Amino acid sequence: MQSYNHPKLDIPKSAFEKILDWVGAFVFGGWVIYLLVTWNDLPAKVPGHYDGAGNITRMGSKWELIILPVIAGLLTIFMSFLEKHPEWHNYLNLNENNIEFQYKNSRMMLNVLKNIIVFLFAAISWNMIQVGRGKAESLGIWFLPVFLAAVFIPMIFFIVRSVRHK
């Protein structure tokens, strides 16, 4: 097995990354506050699972609503940690001429995906609360394609960008 020792570079976060982090933190905080504010108004059972068409396939305890912010919070912490160590990431075409670009690109991909996950998980949780309160019936057929596009389009964009920048 080959080991790679990429140099550690001190590259400050871009304004875009900082703004995304602030927006993500605001969404996460608002999500948790909304969950706390609506907690007493929720019925004992809320949607616990949806199928690919966005229909509810299982009802579960309202305590299951805590799972999504916990997962999003843990993923945010883990991905933020990885953002700080782009030298640990896996690269194609890494060389002395493009190392700073590749580090920034990889770090920005993690930042974008981290915040998209927070937004999407918050949307799922919000919908679960709306269904529980009788204000919605399902996620809707649009949610799975939007979810997949929101995750995969940025990944493809940053990977193509990385490959093109030799």
C-alpha atoms as a PDB file:
ATOM      1  CA  MET A   1       0.000   0.000   0.000  1.00  0.00           C
ATOM      2  CA  GLN A   2       1.356   3.381  -0.997  1.00  0.00           C
ATOM      3  CA  SER A   3       1.377   6.171   1.541  1.00  0.00           C
ATOM      4  CA  TYR A   4       1.050   9.811   0.506  1.00  0.00           C
ATOM      5  CA  ASN A   5       2.469  12.647   2.520  1.00  0.00           C
ATOM      6  CA  HIS A   6       0.793  15.782   1.242  1.00  0.00           C
ATOM      7  CA  PRO A   7       2.133  19.020   2.697  1.00  0.00           C
ATOM      8  CA  LYS A   8      -0.020  20.913   5.154  1.00  0.00           C
ATOM      9  CA  LEU A   9      -0.798  24.391   3.843  1.00  0.00           C
ATOM     10  CA  ASP A  10      -2.391  27.210   5.796  1.00  0.00           C
ATOM     11  CA  ILE A  11      -5.110  28.381   3.395  1.00  0.00           C
ATOM     12  CA  PRO A  12      -7.748  30.643   4.937  1.00  0.00           C
ATOM     13  CA  LYS A  13     -11.401  29.930   4.234  1.00  0.00           C
ATOM     14  CA  SER A  14     -12.953  31.910   1.428  1.00  0.00           C
ATOM     15  CA  ALA A  15     -15.765  34.381   2.057  1.00  0.00           C
ATOM     16  CA  PHE A  16     -18.141  31.923   0.334  1.00  0.00           C
ATOM     17  CA  GLU A  17     -17.183  29.126   2.745  1.00  0.00           C
ATOM     18  CA  LYS A  18     -17.586  31.434   5.754  1.00  0.00           C
ATOM     19  CA  ILE A  19     -21.011  32.606   4.564  1.00  0.00           C
ATOM     20  CA  LEU A  20     -22.138  29.008   3.947  1.00  0.00           C
ATOM     21  CA  ASP A  21     -20.990  28.047   7.444  1.00  0.00           C
ATOM     22  CA  TRP A  22     -22.916  30.938   8.993  1.00  0.00           C
ATOM     23  CA  VAL A  23     -26.049  30.161   6.979  1.00  0.00           C
ATOM     24  CA  GLY A  24     -25.721  26.467   7.874  1.00  0.00           C
ATOM     25  CA  ALA A  25     -25.319  27.312  11.573  1.00  0.00           C
ATOM     26  CA  PHE A  26     -28.330  29.648  11.381  1.00  0.00           C
ATOM     27  CA  VAL A  27     -30.459  26.952   9.696  1.00  0.00           C
ATOM     28  CA  PHE A  28     -29.325  24.338  12.223  1.00  0.00           C
ATOM     29  CA  GLY A  29     -30.038  26.645  15.172  1.00  0.00           C
ATOM     30  CA  GLY A  30     -33.434  27.641  13.768  1.00  0.00           C
ATOM     31  CA  TRP A  31     -34.248  23.997  13.152  1.00  0.00           C
ATOM     32  CA  VAL A  32     -33.477  23.000  16.738  1.00  0.00           C
ATOM     33  CA  ILE A  33     -35.395  25.982  18.128  1.00  0.00           C
ATOM     34  CA  TYR A  34     -38.396  25.178  15.905  1.00  0.00           C
ATOM     35  CA  LEU A  35     -38.298  21.571  17.075  1.00  0.00           C
ATOM     36  CA  LEU A  36     -38.228  22.687  20.724  1.00  0.00           C
ATOM     37  CA  VAL A  37     -41.008  25.261  20.248  1.00  0.00           C
ATOM     38  CA  THR A  38     -43.325  22.798  18.496  1.00  0.00           C
ATOM     39  CA  TRP A  39     -42.463  19.796  20.694  1.00  0.00           C
ATOM     40  CA  ASN A  40     -45.476  20.061  23.026  1.00  0.00           C
ATOM     41  CA  ASP A  41     -47.884  20.509  20.091  1.00  0.00           C
ATOM     42  CA  LEU A  42     -46.729  17.320  18.364  1.00  0.00           C
ATOM     43  CA  PRO A  43     -48.733  14.113  18.554  1.00  0.00           C
ATOM     44  CA  ALA A  44     -47.065  11.016  19.965  1.00  0.00           C
ATOM     45  CA  LYS A  45     -46.664   9.593  16.431  1.00  0.00           C
ATOM     46  CA  VAL A  46     -44.960  11.346  13.525  1.00  0.00           C
ATOM     47  CA  PRO A  47     -43.633   9.984  10.218  1.00  0.00           C
ATOM     48  CA  GLY A  48     -40.703   7.677  10.823  1.00  0.00           C
ATOM     49  CA  HIS A  49     -39.921   6.697   7.241  1.00  0.00           C
ATOM     50  CA  TYR A  50     -40.774   7.709   3.688  1.00  0.00           C
ATOM     51  CA  ASP A  51     -40.609   5.715   0.443  1.00  0.00           C
ATOM     52  CA  GLY A  52     -38.982   6.909  -2.779  1.00  0.00           C
ATOM     53  CA  ALA A  53     -42.169   8.716  -3.798  1.00  0.00           C
ATOM     54  CA  GLY A  54     -42.219  10.669  -0.531  1.00  0.00           C
ATOM     55  CA  ASN A  55     -45.134   8.720   0.976  1.00  0.00           C
ATOM     56  CA  ILE A  56     -45.097   7.783   4.632  1.00  0.00           C
ATOM     57  CA  THR A  57     -44.328   4.100   5.137  1.00  0.00           C
ATOM     58  CA  ARG A  58     -43.998   4.073   8.913  1.00  0.00           C
ATOM     59  CA  MET A  59     -45.120   6.203  11.814  1.00  0.00           C
ATOM     60  CA  GLY A  60     -42.857   6.457  14.817  1.00  0.00           C
ATOM     61  CA  SER A  61     -42.478   8.214  18.125  1.00  0.00           C
ATOM     62  CA  LYS A  62     -41.954  11.951  18.092  1.00  0.00           C
ATOM     63  CA  TRP A  63     -38.677  11.225  19.873  1.00  0.00           C
ATOM     64  CA  GLU A  64     -37.372  10.006  16.507  1.00  0.00           C
ATOM     65  CA  LEU A  65     -37.323  13.678  15.447  1.00  0.00           C
ATOM     66  CA  ILE A  66     -34.189  14.051  17.543  1.00  0.00           C
ATOM     67  CA  ILE A  67     -32.256  11.617  15.334  1.00  0.00           C
ATOM     68  CA  LEU A  68     -31.918  13.936  12.304  1.00  0.00           C
ATOM     69  CA  PRO A  69     -30.402  16.942  14.131  1.00  0.00           C
ATOM     70  CA  VAL A  70     -28.052  14.613  16.015  1.00  0.00           C
ATOM     71  CA  ILE A  71     -26.874  12.987  12.766  1.00  0.00           C
ATOM     72  CA  ALA A  72     -26.606  16.386  11.038  1.00  0.00           C
ATOM     73  CA  GLY A  73     -24.666  17.782  14.000  1.00  0.00           C
ATOM     74  CA  LEU A  74     -22.245  14.850  14.080  1.00  0.00           C
ATOM     75  CA  LEU A  75     -21.756  14.971  10.301  1.00  0.00           C
ATOM     76  CA  THR A  76     -21.141  18.725  10.505  1.00  0.00           C
ATOM     77  CA  ILE A  77     -18.501  18.261  13.193  1.00  0.00           C
ATOM     78  CA  PHE A  78     -16.814  15.430  11.295  1.00  0.00           C
ATOM     79  CA  MET A  79     -16.893  17.203   7.929  1.00  0.00           C
ATOM     80  CA  SER A  80     -15.653  20.470   9.504  1.00  0.00           C
ATOM     81  CA  PHE A  81     -12.738  18.523  10.951  1.00  0.00           C
ATOM     82  CA  LEU A  82     -11.966  17.040   7.524  1.00  0.00           C
ATOM     83  CA  GLU A  83     -12.206  20.517   5.970  1.00  0.00           C
ATOM     84  CA  LYS A  84      -9.320  21.595   8.197  1.00  0.00           C
ATOM     85  CA  HIS A  85      -7.148  18.774   6.855  1.00  0.00           C
ATOM     86  CA  PRO A  86      -7.217  18.858   3.041  1.00  0.00           C
ATOM     87  CA  GLU A  87      -3.831  17.142   3.067  1.00  0.00           C
ATOM     88  CA  TRP A  88      -5.663  13.971   4.129  1.00  0.00           C
ATOM     89  CA  HIS A  89      -8.014  14.021   1.135  1.00  0.00           C
ATOM     90  CA  ASN A  90      -7.596  11.831  -1.911  1.00  0.00           C
ATOM     91  CA  TYR A  91      -6.593  13.654  -5.112  1.00  0.00           C
ATOM     92  CA  LEU A  92      -6.169  13.066  -8.815  1.00  0.00           C
ATOM     93  CA  ASN A  93      -3.472  15.062 -10.608  1.00  0.00           C
ATOM     94  CA  LEU A  94      -1.995  16.607  -7.447  1.00  0.00           C
ATOM     95  CA  ASN A  95       1.333  18.345  -8.061  1.00  0.00           C
ATOM     96  CA  GLU A  96       3.290  21.339  -6.824  1.00  0.00           C
ATOM     97  CA  ASN A  97       1.652  23.654  -9.362  1.00  0.00           C
ATOM     98  CA  ASN A  98      -1.948  22.935  -8.423  1.00  0.00           C
ATOM     99  CA  ILE A  99      -1.786  21.869  -4.785  1.00  0.00           C
ATOM    100  CA  GLU A 100      -3.334  25.064  -3.403  1.00  0.00           C
ATOM    101  CA  PHE A 101      -6.198  24.950  -5.916  1.00  0.00           C
ATOM    102  CA  GLN A 102      -6.826  21.240  -5.239  1.00  0.00           C
ATOM    103  CA  TYR A 103      -6.856  21.795  -1.461  1.00  0.00           C
ATOM    104  CA  LYS A 104      -9.294  24.724  -1.797  1.00  0.00           C
ATOM    105  CA  ASN A 105     -11.496  22.797  -4.220  1.00  0.00           C
ATOM    106  CA  SER A 106     -11.668  19.711  -1.998  1.00  0.00           C
ATOM    107  CA  ARG A 107     -12.293  21.782   1.109  1.00  0.00           C
ATOM    108  CA  MET A 108     -15.042  23.763  -0.628  1.00  0.00           C
ATOM    109  CA  MET A 109     -16.714  20.547  -1.821  1.00  0.00           C
ATOM    110  CA  LEU A 110     -16.845  19.318   1.779  1.00  0.00           C
ATOM    111  CA  ASN A 111     -18.154  22.671   2.955  1.00  0.00           C
ATOM    112  CA  VAL A 112     -20.913  22.775   0.347  1.00  0.00           C
ATOM    113  CA  LEU A 113     -21.962  19.156   0.982  1.00  0.00           C
ATOM    114  CA  LYS A 114     -21.893  19.647   4.755  1.00  0.00           C
ATOM    115  CA  ASN A 115     -24.261  22.588   4.536  1.00  0.00           C
ATOM    116  CA  ILE A 116     -26.515  20.960   1.936  1.00  0.00           C
ATOM    117  CA  ILE A 117     -26.920  17.996   4.307  1.00  0.00           C
ATOM    118  CA  VAL A 118     -27.962  20.355   7.115  1.00  0.00           C
ATOM    119  CA  PHE A 119     -30.499  22.080   4.836  1.00  0.00           C
ATOM    120  CA  LEU A 120     -31.940  18.793   3.541  1.00  0.00           C
ATOM    121  CA  PHE A 121     -32.157  17.164   6.967  1.00  0.00           C
ATOM    122  CA  ALA A 122     -33.830  20.300   8.331  1.00  0.00           C
ATOM    123  CA  ALA A 123     -36.349  20.147   5.450  1.00  0.00           C
ATOM    124  CA  ILE A 124     -37.126  16.489   6.200  1.00  0.00           C
ATOM    125  CA  SER A 125     -37.538  17.255   9.899  1.00  0.00           C
ATOM    126  CA  TRP A 126     -39.726  20.276   9.141  1.00  0.00           C
ATOM    127  CA  ASN A 127     -41.934  18.100   6.934  1.00  0.00           C
ATOM    128  CA  MET A 128     -42.178  15.419   9.621  1.00  0.00           C
ATOM    129  CA  ILE A 129     -43.366  18.086  12.053  1.00  0.00           C
ATOM    130  CA  GLN A 130     -45.868  19.463   9.517  1.00  0.00           C
ATOM    131  CA  VAL A 131     -47.296  15.983   8.913  1.00  0.00           C
ATOM    132  CA  GLY A 132     -47.476  15.388  12.655  1.00  0.00           C
ATOM    133  CA  ARG A 133     -49.382  18.642  13.087  1.00  0.00           C
ATOM    134  CA  GLY A 134     -51.751  17.746  10.215  1.00  0.00           C
ATOM    135  CA  LYS A 135     -50.493  20.514   7.906  1.00  0.00           C
ATOM    136  CA  ALA A 136     -48.943  18.211   5.280  1.00  0.00           C
ATOM    137  CA  GLU A 137     -49.482  14.692   3.990  1.00  0.00           C
ATOM    138  CA  SER A 138     -46.056  13.575   2.747  1.00  0.00           C
ATOM    139  CA  LEU A 139     -42.658  14.722   1.507  1.00  0.00           C
ATOM    140  CA  GLY A 140     -43.949  14.743  -2.036  1.00  0.00           C
ATOM    141  CA  ILE A 141     -42.676  13.017  -5.135  1.00  0.00           C
ATOM    142  CA  TRP A 142     -40.223  15.852  -5.809  1.00  0.00           C
ATOM    143  CA  PHE A 143     -38.161  15.345  -2.665  1.00  0.00           C
ATOM    144  CA  LEU A 144     -36.033  12.332  -3.642  1.00  0.00           C
ATOM    145  CA  PRO A 145     -34.943  13.764  -7.013  1.00  0.00           C
ATOM    146  CA  VAL A 146     -34.190  17.124  -5.375  1.00  0.00           C
ATOM    147  CA  PHE A 147     -32.282  15.422  -2.552  1.00  0.00           C
ATOM    148  CA  LEU A 148     -30.191  13.344  -4.972  1.00  0.00           C
ATOM    149  CA  ALA A 149     -29.520  16.320  -7.254  1.00  0.00           C
ATOM    150  CA  ALA A 150     -28.586  18.541  -4.314  1.00  0.00           C
ATOM    151  CA  VAL A 151     -25.987  16.009  -3.166  1.00  0.00           C
ATOM    152  CA  PHE A 152     -24.625  14.674  -6.453  1.00  0.00           C
ATOM    153  CA  ILE A 153     -24.524  17.784  -8.653  1.00  0.00           C
ATOM    154  CA  PRO A 154     -22.079  19.633  -6.362  1.00  0.00           C
ATOM    155  CA  MET A 155     -19.943  16.483  -6.012  1.00  0.00           C
ATOM    156  CA  ILE A 156     -19.775  16.070  -9.792  1.00  0.00           C
ATOM    157  CA  PHE A 157     -19.042  19.773 -10.232  1.00  0.00           C
ATOM    158  CA  PHE A 158     -16.097  19.752  -7.798  1.00  0.00           C
ATOM    159  CA  ILE A 159     -14.696  16.438  -9.065  1.00  0.00           C
ATOM    160  CA  VAL A 160     -14.800  17.643 -12.688  1.00  0.00           C
ATOM    161  CA  ARG A 161     -13.238  20.916 -11.597  1.00  0.00           C
ATOM    162  CA  SER A 162     -10.473  19.004  -9.848  1.00  0.00           C
ATOM    163  CA  VAL A 163      -9.763  16.738 -12.822  1.00  0.00           C
ATOM    164  CA  ARG A 164      -9.668  19.674 -15.264  1.00  0.00           C
ATOM    165  CA  HIS A 165      -7.182  21.620 -13.142  1.00  0.00           C
ATOM    166  CA  LYS A 166      -3.952  19.735 -13.777  1.00  0.00           C
END
